[in-house]
Structures are given as structure tokens and as C-alpha cells.
Amino acid sequence: MGDGRGSPSVRTCSLFLVAFFCPPIAVLIARGEIDSYFWLNLLLTLLAWLPGVVHAMWVLLSRNPLSQEEVWAGYSALTRPGA
């Protein structure tokens, strides 16, 4: 369980459970910072709970497992966006 080969870990299952009951907290834990995803999710959750849940699930499912440094490894600073 949680070996990185398709089986969900306890942390992943817990995040989906948190996303169902309190979507902004799940987005905050998944993203690791208070950013635009968190604020959008908070707004959606306050307006109507279900859109906040859907957005939180989308954030959890669309997470990139590679860190930004691994994604941009080998690219020069001139071709890297935002650098």
C-alpha cells in the first residue's frame, strides 16, 4: 500500500476524505501553501459547498508528483518560465 505503483496511500485517502468535509483544508495540505487555488476553493466552498468539493478533488487528482526542480532539470535559466 502506498508503494508508488498505483495503490493509494493512507495520506491520499485521508486527503480525499478531508476534501469531502472541508475542501479548503485539503487544498491547503495538498498545495502546501496559501495560494490562488486555496482562495478559489474557499470562495467556491462559501458560495456553495459542492463546487468547493469538486474543485478540491480536481486539485488532488491533478497534482504533479514531480517537484518543480525535477521538471525543469536540464533547462537553462533563459528558457525556464518565470526565471
C-alpha atoms as a PDB file:
ATOM      1  CA  MET A   1       0.000   0.000   0.000  1.00  0.00           C
ATOM      2  CA  GLY A   2       1.391   3.385  -0.985  1.00  0.00           C
ATOM      3  CA  ASP A   3       4.362   1.982  -2.867  1.00  0.00           C
ATOM      4  CA  GLY A   4       4.021   4.474  -5.716  1.00  0.00           C
ATOM      5  CA  ARG A   5       2.779   1.909  -8.231  1.00  0.00           C
ATOM      6  CA  GLY A   6      -0.884   2.822  -8.365  1.00  0.00           C
ATOM      7  CA  SER A   7      -2.086   1.846  -4.913  1.00  0.00           C
ATOM      8  CA  PRO A   8      -3.322   4.806  -2.889  1.00  0.00           C
ATOM      9  CA  SER A   9      -1.554   5.679   0.323  1.00  0.00           C
ATOM     10  CA  VAL A  10      -3.245   6.412   3.623  1.00  0.00           C
ATOM     11  CA  ARG A  11      -2.328  10.099   3.156  1.00  0.00           C
ATOM     12  CA  THR A  12      -4.038  10.214  -0.244  1.00  0.00           C
ATOM     13  CA  CYS A  13      -7.192   8.539   1.057  1.00  0.00           C
ATOM     14  CA  SER A  14      -7.213  10.870   4.053  1.00  0.00           C
ATOM     15  CA  LEU A  15      -6.899  13.920   1.780  1.00  0.00           C
ATOM     16  CA  PHE A  16      -9.920  12.826  -0.247  1.00  0.00           C
ATOM     17  CA  LEU A  17     -11.888  12.365   2.961  1.00  0.00           C
ATOM     18  CA  VAL A  18     -10.861  15.834   4.167  1.00  0.00           C
ATOM     19  CA  ALA A  19     -11.720  17.236   0.706  1.00  0.00           C
ATOM     20  CA  PHE A  20     -15.254  15.950   1.101  1.00  0.00           C
ATOM     21  CA  PHE A  21     -15.844  17.509   4.527  1.00  0.00           C
ATOM     22  CA  CYS A  22     -13.628  20.624   4.387  1.00  0.00           C
ATOM     23  CA  PRO A  23     -12.328  21.288   0.858  1.00  0.00           C
ATOM     24  CA  PRO A  24     -10.106  24.333   1.594  1.00  0.00           C
ATOM     25  CA  ILE A  25      -8.105  22.404   4.193  1.00  0.00           C
ATOM     26  CA  ALA A  26      -7.453  19.588   1.704  1.00  0.00           C
ATOM     27  CA  VAL A  27      -6.278  22.081  -0.917  1.00  0.00           C
ATOM     28  CA  LEU A  28      -4.016  23.773   1.633  1.00  0.00           C
ATOM     29  CA  ILE A  29      -2.450  20.462   2.669  1.00  0.00           C
ATOM     30  CA  ALA A  30      -2.048  19.265  -0.928  1.00  0.00           C
ATOM     31  CA  ARG A  31      -0.543  22.505  -2.231  1.00  0.00           C
ATOM     32  CA  GLY A  32       1.496  23.256   0.905  1.00  0.00           C
ATOM     33  CA  GLU A  33       0.818  26.995   0.785  1.00  0.00           C
ATOM     34  CA  ILE A  34      -1.954  29.562   0.750  1.00  0.00           C
ATOM     35  CA  ASP A  35      -2.143  30.394  -2.935  1.00  0.00           C
ATOM     36  CA  SER A  36      -4.778  31.182  -5.567  1.00  0.00           C
ATOM     37  CA  TYR A  37      -6.032  27.580  -5.534  1.00  0.00           C
ATOM     38  CA  PHE A  38      -6.776  27.864  -1.824  1.00  0.00           C
ATOM     39  CA  TRP A  39      -8.573  31.199  -2.167  1.00  0.00           C
ATOM     40  CA  LEU A  40     -10.629  29.988  -5.141  1.00  0.00           C
ATOM     41  CA  ASN A  41     -11.582  26.860  -3.254  1.00  0.00           C
ATOM     42  CA  LEU A  42     -12.535  28.858  -0.179  1.00  0.00           C
ATOM     43  CA  LEU A  43     -14.740  31.117  -2.304  1.00  0.00           C
ATOM     44  CA  LEU A  44     -16.389  28.159  -4.042  1.00  0.00           C
ATOM     45  CA  THR A  45     -16.962  26.423  -0.719  1.00  0.00           C
ATOM     46  CA  LEU A  46     -18.511  29.516   0.850  1.00  0.00           C
ATOM     47  CA  LEU A  47     -20.785  30.134  -2.146  1.00  0.00           C
ATOM     48  CA  ALA A  48     -21.925  26.529  -2.375  1.00  0.00           C
ATOM     49  CA  TRP A  49     -20.318  23.517  -0.774  1.00  0.00           C
ATOM     50  CA  LEU A  50     -20.433  21.139  -3.769  1.00  0.00           C
ATOM     51  CA  PRO A  51     -18.346  23.287  -6.177  1.00  0.00           C
ATOM     52  CA  GLY A  52     -15.684  23.524  -3.465  1.00  0.00           C
ATOM     53  CA  VAL A  53     -15.629  19.741  -3.154  1.00  0.00           C
ATOM     54  CA  VAL A  54     -15.356  19.293  -6.926  1.00  0.00           C
ATOM     55  CA  HIS A  55     -12.511  21.816  -7.118  1.00  0.00           C
ATOM     56  CA  ALA A  56     -10.673  20.164  -4.214  1.00  0.00           C
ATOM     57  CA  MET A  57     -10.973  16.767  -5.902  1.00  0.00           C
ATOM     58  CA  TRP A  58      -9.649  18.288  -9.133  1.00  0.00           C
ATOM     59  CA  VAL A  59      -6.666  19.795  -7.282  1.00  0.00           C
ATOM     60  CA  LEU A  60      -5.892  16.453  -5.625  1.00  0.00           C
ATOM     61  CA  LEU A  61      -6.190  14.496  -8.873  1.00  0.00           C
ATOM     62  CA  SER A  62      -4.165  16.944 -10.964  1.00  0.00           C
ATOM     63  CA  ARG A  63      -1.165  17.196  -8.624  1.00  0.00           C
ATOM     64  CA  ASN A  64       2.146  16.670 -10.363  1.00  0.00           C
ATOM     65  CA  PRO A  65       4.233  14.195  -8.365  1.00  0.00           C
ATOM     66  CA  LEU A  66       7.465  15.745  -9.648  1.00  0.00           C
ATOM     67  CA  SER A  67       8.800  18.814  -7.930  1.00  0.00           C
ATOM     68  CA  GLN A  68       9.438  21.942  -9.995  1.00  0.00           C
ATOM     69  CA  GLU A  69      13.198  21.387  -9.816  1.00  0.00           C
ATOM     70  CA  GLU A  70      12.827  17.883 -11.264  1.00  0.00           C
ATOM     71  CA  VAL A  71      10.527  19.158 -14.001  1.00  0.00           C
ATOM     72  CA  TRP A  72      12.955  21.891 -15.078  1.00  0.00           C
ATOM     73  CA  ALA A  73      16.188  19.941 -14.561  1.00  0.00           C
ATOM     74  CA  GLY A  74      18.418  20.341 -17.586  1.00  0.00           C
ATOM     75  CA  TYR A  75      16.820  23.534 -18.885  1.00  0.00           C
ATOM     76  CA  SER A  76      18.801  26.746 -18.865  1.00  0.00           C
ATOM     77  CA  ALA A  77      17.537  29.740 -16.901  1.00  0.00           C
ATOM     78  CA  LEU A  78      16.777  31.644 -20.116  1.00  0.00           C
ATOM     79  CA  THR A  79      14.211  29.102 -21.324  1.00  0.00           C
ATOM     80  CA  ARG A  80      12.618  28.499 -17.944  1.00  0.00           C
ATOM     81  CA  PRO A  81       9.356  30.432 -17.458  1.00  0.00           C
ATOM     82  CA  GLY A  82       9.494  32.922 -14.623  1.00  0.00           C
ATOM     83  CA  ALA A  83      13.263  32.822 -14.336  1.00  0.00           C
END
